[in-house]
Amino acid sequence: MPFTQDAHGKKRFLSRLPFVIIMIICQLSIAPVGNDIHLHSYVKKVIQVIEKHKVNYELTDMATIIEANNLDTIFDIVKDAHNTLFNDGVIRVITEIKIDDRKDKDVRLGNKKNMVHLN
């Protein structure tokens, strides 16, 4: 599979489609356990972590969907967000991730919604 390198020297795979960079979609859900029942302050902190990584994301009621061009970025975000809650005094954190990583097709955040016209 052909690839290119980004400004940081990381390999980014190209699809078979001309000039298309493959993106990885990640669904991230982080839940502090045993703390305040109002989660919005924790969600805000996780969103700040995601924004520091300068990736596209979409906040939903149940999870946050993240788009990045490599797994290292995804896992860095997950680790940073997970640890942010511990650094904020949370004593237990449950983190769930789902990753959609395709090398044969250009997959972008929102593609599926656009295909089924749910916008």
N, C-alpha and C. Protein backbone atom coordinates (compact mmCIF):
# COMPACT_ATOMS: atom_id res chain seq x y z
N MET A 1 0.86 -1.17 0.00
CA MET A 1 0.00 0.00 0.00
C MET A 1 0.91 1.24 0.00
N PRO A 2 0.68 2.19 -0.87
CA PRO A 2 1.51 3.40 -0.91
C PRO A 2 1.27 4.27 0.31
N PHE A 3 2.28 5.07 0.66
CA PHE A 3 2.15 5.96 1.80
C PHE A 3 2.90 7.24 1.54
N THR A 4 2.62 8.23 2.36
CA THR A 4 3.34 9.49 2.37
C THR A 4 3.73 9.77 3.81
N GLN A 5 4.54 10.78 4.05
CA GLN A 5 4.91 11.13 5.41
C GLN A 5 4.41 12.52 5.73
N ASP A 6 3.92 12.70 6.97
CA ASP A 6 3.44 14.01 7.37
C ASP A 6 4.61 14.85 7.86
N ALA A 7 4.32 16.03 8.36
CA ALA A 7 5.37 16.97 8.78
C ALA A 7 6.20 16.44 9.95
N HIS A 8 5.65 15.45 10.68
CA HIS A 8 6.37 14.89 11.83
C HIS A 8 7.09 13.60 11.46
N GLY A 9 7.10 13.25 10.18
CA GLY A 9 7.78 12.04 9.73
C GLY A 9 6.98 10.76 9.89
N LYS A 10 5.70 10.87 10.31
CA LYS A 10 4.87 9.69 10.46
C LYS A 10 4.31 9.27 9.11
N LYS A 11 4.26 7.95 8.89
CA LYS A 11 3.72 7.44 7.64
C LYS A 11 2.21 7.57 7.64
N ARG A 12 1.66 8.04 6.53
CA ARG A 12 0.22 8.11 6.32
C ARG A 12 -0.08 7.31 5.07
N PHE A 13 -0.91 6.29 5.21
CA PHE A 13 -1.23 5.43 4.08
C PHE A 13 -2.19 6.11 3.12
N LEU A 14 -1.97 5.89 1.87
CA LEU A 14 -2.85 6.40 0.83
C LEU A 14 -3.74 5.27 0.34
N SER A 15 -4.96 5.58 0.00
CA SER A 15 -5.85 4.56 -0.54
C SER A 15 -5.53 4.33 -2.01
N ARG A 16 -6.23 3.41 -2.59
CA ARG A 16 -6.08 3.17 -4.03
C ARG A 16 -6.75 4.28 -4.84
N LEU A 17 -7.57 5.06 -4.16
CA LEU A 17 -8.18 6.21 -4.81
C LEU A 17 -7.10 7.28 -4.96
N PRO A 18 -7.07 8.00 -6.05
CA PRO A 18 -6.00 8.98 -6.25
C PRO A 18 -6.03 10.11 -5.23
N PHE A 19 -4.88 10.37 -4.62
CA PHE A 19 -4.68 11.51 -3.72
C PHE A 19 -5.61 11.53 -2.51
N VAL A 20 -5.97 10.37 -2.00
CA VAL A 20 -6.83 10.29 -0.83
C VAL A 20 -6.02 9.71 0.32
N ILE A 21 -6.01 10.39 1.43
CA ILE A 21 -5.32 9.89 2.62
C ILE A 21 -6.33 9.14 3.47
N ILE A 22 -5.96 7.94 3.86
CA ILE A 22 -6.84 7.11 4.67
C ILE A 22 -6.93 7.69 6.09
N MET A 23 -8.14 7.80 6.60
CA MET A 23 -8.36 8.27 7.95
C MET A 23 -8.89 7.12 8.81
N ILE A 24 -8.63 7.20 10.10
CA ILE A 24 -9.10 6.21 11.06
C ILE A 24 -10.17 6.88 11.92
N ILE A 25 -11.26 6.17 12.13
CA ILE A 25 -12.35 6.67 12.95
C ILE A 25 -12.33 5.90 14.28
N CYS A 26 -12.44 6.64 15.38
CA CYS A 26 -12.43 6.03 16.71
C CYS A 26 -13.63 6.54 17.50
N GLN A 27 -14.33 5.62 18.13
CA GLN A 27 -15.39 5.99 19.06
C GLN A 27 -14.83 5.87 20.47
N LEU A 28 -14.84 6.95 21.22
CA LEU A 28 -14.24 7.00 22.55
C LEU A 28 -15.30 7.33 23.59
N SER A 29 -15.36 6.50 24.62
CA SER A 29 -16.26 6.75 25.74
C SER A 29 -15.46 6.57 27.02
N ILE A 30 -15.42 7.60 27.86
CA ILE A 30 -14.69 7.55 29.12
C ILE A 30 -15.65 7.87 30.25
N ALA A 31 -15.69 6.99 31.24
CA ALA A 31 -16.63 7.17 32.35
C ALA A 31 -15.90 7.14 33.68
N PRO A 32 -15.94 8.25 34.41
CA PRO A 32 -15.41 8.22 35.78
C PRO A 32 -16.40 7.46 36.67
N VAL A 33 -15.89 6.63 37.56
CA VAL A 33 -16.75 5.82 38.42
C VAL A 33 -16.57 6.27 39.86
N GLY A 34 -17.68 6.43 40.56
CA GLY A 34 -17.63 6.76 41.98
C GLY A 34 -17.49 8.24 42.26
N ASN A 35 -17.70 9.05 41.27
CA ASN A 35 -17.60 10.50 41.47
C ASN A 35 -18.97 11.14 41.24
N ASP A 36 -18.96 12.44 41.14
CA ASP A 36 -20.16 13.23 40.91
C ASP A 36 -20.96 12.68 39.74
N ILE A 37 -22.28 12.68 39.86
CA ILE A 37 -23.12 12.16 38.79
C ILE A 37 -23.20 13.10 37.59
N HIS A 38 -22.78 14.33 37.76
CA HIS A 38 -22.79 15.30 36.66
C HIS A 38 -21.47 15.19 35.90
N LEU A 39 -21.54 14.65 34.71
CA LEU A 39 -20.33 14.32 33.96
C LEU A 39 -19.83 15.44 33.05
N HIS A 40 -20.60 16.52 32.90
CA HIS A 40 -20.25 17.53 31.91
C HIS A 40 -18.86 18.13 32.14
N SER A 41 -18.45 18.28 33.38
CA SER A 41 -17.12 18.86 33.62
C SER A 41 -16.02 17.91 33.15
N TYR A 42 -16.24 16.60 33.29
CA TYR A 42 -15.26 15.63 32.81
C TYR A 42 -15.24 15.60 31.28
N VAL A 43 -16.43 15.68 30.69
CA VAL A 43 -16.51 15.69 29.22
C VAL A 43 -15.76 16.89 28.67
N LYS A 44 -15.91 18.04 29.30
CA LYS A 44 -15.20 19.25 28.84
C LYS A 44 -13.69 19.04 28.88
N LYS A 45 -13.20 18.40 29.92
CA LYS A 45 -11.75 18.17 30.03
C LYS A 45 -11.26 17.22 28.95
N VAL A 46 -12.04 16.19 28.66
CA VAL A 46 -11.67 15.25 27.59
C VAL A 46 -11.67 15.96 26.24
N ILE A 47 -12.66 16.80 25.99
CA ILE A 47 -12.73 17.55 24.73
C ILE A 47 -11.52 18.47 24.60
N GLN A 48 -11.09 19.08 25.69
CA GLN A 48 -9.89 19.92 25.65
C GLN A 48 -8.65 19.11 25.26
N VAL A 49 -8.56 17.88 25.75
CA VAL A 49 -7.46 16.99 25.37
C VAL A 49 -7.52 16.70 23.88
N ILE A 50 -8.69 16.37 23.39
CA ILE A 50 -8.85 16.05 21.96
C ILE A 50 -8.47 17.26 21.11
N GLU A 51 -8.92 18.44 21.50
CA GLU A 51 -8.63 19.64 20.73
C GLU A 51 -7.14 19.97 20.71
N LYS A 52 -6.41 19.64 21.76
CA LYS A 52 -4.96 19.86 21.77
C LYS A 52 -4.26 19.04 20.68
N HIS A 53 -4.86 17.92 20.30
CA HIS A 53 -4.28 17.05 19.27
C HIS A 53 -4.65 17.49 17.86
N LYS A 54 -5.50 18.50 17.75
CA LYS A 54 -5.86 19.09 16.45
C LYS A 54 -6.39 18.04 15.45
N VAL A 55 -7.38 17.28 15.90
CA VAL A 55 -8.05 16.31 15.03
C VAL A 55 -9.52 16.67 14.93
N ASN A 56 -10.18 16.15 13.92
CA ASN A 56 -11.63 16.33 13.81
C ASN A 56 -12.31 15.41 14.81
N TYR A 57 -13.41 15.88 15.40
CA TYR A 57 -14.16 15.06 16.33
C TYR A 57 -15.62 15.49 16.31
N GLU A 58 -16.47 14.60 16.83
CA GLU A 58 -17.89 14.90 16.97
C GLU A 58 -18.34 14.38 18.32
N LEU A 59 -18.85 15.27 19.15
CA LEU A 59 -19.38 14.89 20.45
C LEU A 59 -20.82 14.44 20.28
N THR A 60 -21.14 13.25 20.79
CA THR A 60 -22.52 12.75 20.78
C THR A 60 -22.97 12.54 22.22
N ASP A 61 -24.20 12.15 22.41
CA ASP A 61 -24.71 11.94 23.76
C ASP A 61 -24.06 10.75 24.47
N MET A 62 -23.56 9.78 23.73
CA MET A 62 -23.03 8.56 24.33
C MET A 62 -21.52 8.39 24.20
N ALA A 63 -20.91 9.10 23.28
CA ALA A 63 -19.47 8.93 23.02
C ALA A 63 -18.98 10.10 22.18
N THR A 64 -17.68 10.12 21.98
CA THR A 64 -17.08 11.11 21.09
C THR A 64 -16.42 10.36 19.95
N ILE A 65 -16.67 10.79 18.73
CA ILE A 65 -16.09 10.17 17.55
C ILE A 65 -14.91 11.02 17.11
N ILE A 66 -13.77 10.37 16.91
CA ILE A 66 -12.53 11.06 16.57
C ILE A 66 -12.04 10.55 15.21
N GLU A 67 -11.51 11.47 14.40
CA GLU A 67 -10.93 11.12 13.11
C GLU A 67 -9.45 11.51 13.14
N ALA A 68 -8.59 10.56 12.83
CA ALA A 68 -7.15 10.84 12.79
C ALA A 68 -6.53 10.04 11.65
N ASN A 69 -5.32 10.41 11.27
CA ASN A 69 -4.71 9.71 10.13
C ASN A 69 -3.74 8.60 10.54
N ASN A 70 -3.62 8.34 11.86
CA ASN A 70 -2.79 7.20 12.27
C ASN A 70 -3.20 6.74 13.67
N LEU A 71 -2.88 5.49 13.96
CA LEU A 71 -3.24 4.90 15.25
C LEU A 71 -2.50 5.53 16.42
N ASP A 72 -1.26 5.96 16.18
CA ASP A 72 -0.51 6.59 17.27
C ASP A 72 -1.25 7.79 17.82
N THR A 73 -1.80 8.60 16.94
CA THR A 73 -2.56 9.78 17.39
C THR A 73 -3.79 9.36 18.18
N ILE A 74 -4.51 8.36 17.68
CA ILE A 74 -5.70 7.86 18.39
C ILE A 74 -5.32 7.40 19.79
N PHE A 75 -4.28 6.56 19.89
CA PHE A 75 -3.91 6.02 21.20
C PHE A 75 -3.34 7.09 22.12
N ASP A 76 -2.65 8.08 21.57
CA ASP A 76 -2.17 9.20 22.39
C ASP A 76 -3.34 9.98 22.99
N ILE A 77 -4.37 10.21 22.18
CA ILE A 77 -5.56 10.92 22.66
C ILE A 77 -6.24 10.11 23.76
N VAL A 78 -6.43 8.82 23.52
CA VAL A 78 -7.09 7.97 24.51
C VAL A 78 -6.31 7.97 25.82
N LYS A 79 -4.99 7.79 25.74
CA LYS A 79 -4.16 7.76 26.95
C LYS A 79 -4.21 9.11 27.68
N ASP A 80 -4.07 10.19 26.94
CA ASP A 80 -4.09 11.53 27.56
C ASP A 80 -5.44 11.82 28.21
N ALA A 81 -6.52 11.48 27.54
CA ALA A 81 -7.86 11.73 28.08
C ALA A 81 -8.11 10.87 29.32
N HIS A 82 -7.73 9.61 29.26
CA HIS A 82 -7.88 8.69 30.39
C HIS A 82 -7.12 9.22 31.61
N ASN A 83 -5.88 9.61 31.40
CA ASN A 83 -5.05 10.09 32.51
C ASN A 83 -5.49 11.45 33.03
N THR A 84 -6.09 12.26 32.17
CA THR A 84 -6.59 13.57 32.59
C THR A 84 -7.61 13.43 33.73
N LEU A 85 -8.45 12.42 33.64
CA LEU A 85 -9.45 12.24 34.69
C LEU A 85 -8.80 11.81 36.00
N PHE A 86 -7.79 10.95 35.92
CA PHE A 86 -7.06 10.58 37.14
C PHE A 86 -6.36 11.79 37.74
N ASN A 87 -5.78 12.62 36.88
CA ASN A 87 -5.10 13.82 37.36
C ASN A 87 -6.07 14.80 38.00
N ASP A 88 -7.35 14.65 37.68
CA ASP A 88 -8.39 15.51 38.24
C ASP A 88 -8.98 14.93 39.54
N GLY A 89 -8.42 13.83 40.02
CA GLY A 89 -8.87 13.26 41.28
C GLY A 89 -9.83 12.10 41.19
N VAL A 90 -10.18 11.67 39.98
CA VAL A 90 -11.06 10.52 39.82
C VAL A 90 -10.27 9.27 40.27
N ILE A 91 -10.94 8.36 40.99
CA ILE A 91 -10.23 7.18 41.49
C ILE A 91 -10.40 5.93 40.63
N ARG A 92 -11.39 5.95 39.73
CA ARG A 92 -11.61 4.82 38.82
C ARG A 92 -12.16 5.36 37.51
N VAL A 93 -11.59 4.88 36.40
CA VAL A 93 -12.01 5.34 35.08
C VAL A 93 -12.21 4.12 34.18
N ILE A 94 -13.33 4.08 33.49
CA ILE A 94 -13.58 3.03 32.48
C ILE A 94 -13.54 3.70 31.12
N THR A 95 -12.65 3.22 30.26
CA THR A 95 -12.48 3.77 28.92
C THR A 95 -12.80 2.69 27.90
N GLU A 96 -13.69 3.03 26.97
CA GLU A 96 -14.04 2.11 25.89
C GLU A 96 -13.70 2.76 24.55
N ILE A 97 -13.09 1.98 23.66
CA ILE A 97 -12.81 2.49 22.32
C ILE A 97 -13.21 1.46 21.28
N LYS A 98 -13.66 1.96 20.16
CA LYS A 98 -13.90 1.18 18.94
C LYS A 98 -13.15 1.89 17.84
N ILE A 99 -12.45 1.12 17.01
CA ILE A 99 -11.65 1.73 15.94
C ILE A 99 -12.05 1.13 14.61
N ASP A 100 -12.33 2.01 13.66
CA ASP A 100 -12.60 1.60 12.28
C ASP A 100 -11.41 2.07 11.44
N ASP A 101 -10.60 1.12 11.00
CA ASP A 101 -9.36 1.42 10.28
C ASP A 101 -9.38 0.67 8.95
N ARG A 102 -9.66 1.38 7.87
CA ARG A 102 -9.73 0.78 6.53
C ARG A 102 -8.59 1.29 5.68
N LYS A 103 -8.06 0.43 4.84
CA LYS A 103 -6.99 0.83 3.93
C LYS A 103 -7.45 0.79 2.47
N ASP A 104 -8.71 0.42 2.25
CA ASP A 104 -9.20 0.26 0.88
C ASP A 104 -10.16 1.36 0.45
N LYS A 105 -10.53 2.24 1.37
CA LYS A 105 -11.58 3.20 1.07
C LYS A 105 -11.37 4.44 1.92
N ASP A 106 -11.72 5.59 1.36
CA ASP A 106 -11.66 6.84 2.10
C ASP A 106 -12.83 6.90 3.08
N VAL A 107 -12.53 6.81 4.38
CA VAL A 107 -13.56 6.86 5.41
C VAL A 107 -13.35 8.14 6.20
N ARG A 108 -14.39 8.94 6.30
CA ARG A 108 -14.31 10.22 7.01
C ARG A 108 -15.44 10.33 8.02
N LEU A 109 -15.21 11.16 9.00
CA LEU A 109 -16.22 11.45 10.01
C LEU A 109 -17.47 11.99 9.31
N GLY A 110 -18.61 11.37 9.55
CA GLY A 110 -19.87 11.82 8.97
C GLY A 110 -20.25 11.15 7.65
N ASN A 111 -19.35 10.37 7.07
CA ASN A 111 -19.67 9.72 5.79
C ASN A 111 -20.93 8.86 5.87
N LYS A 112 -21.02 8.04 6.92
CA LYS A 112 -22.15 7.11 7.04
C LYS A 112 -23.46 7.88 7.18
N LYS A 113 -23.46 8.94 8.01
CA LYS A 113 -24.69 9.74 8.15
C LYS A 113 -25.10 10.34 6.81
N ASN A 114 -24.12 10.83 6.06
CA ASN A 114 -24.43 11.42 4.78
C ASN A 114 -24.99 10.39 3.80
N MET A 115 -24.49 9.17 3.89
CA MET A 115 -24.96 8.11 2.99
C MET A 115 -26.41 7.72 3.25
N VAL A 116 -26.83 7.76 4.50
CA VAL A 116 -28.20 7.37 4.83
C VAL A 116 -29.10 8.58 5.07
N HIS A 117 -28.58 9.77 4.83
CA HIS A 117 -29.36 11.01 4.90
C HIS A 117 -30.01 11.24 6.25
N LEU A 118 -29.24 11.08 7.33
CA LEU A 118 -29.76 11.30 8.68
C LEU A 118 -29.40 12.67 9.23
N ASN A 119 -28.77 13.51 8.45
CA ASN A 119 -28.34 14.82 8.95
C ASN A 119 -29.52 15.66 9.37
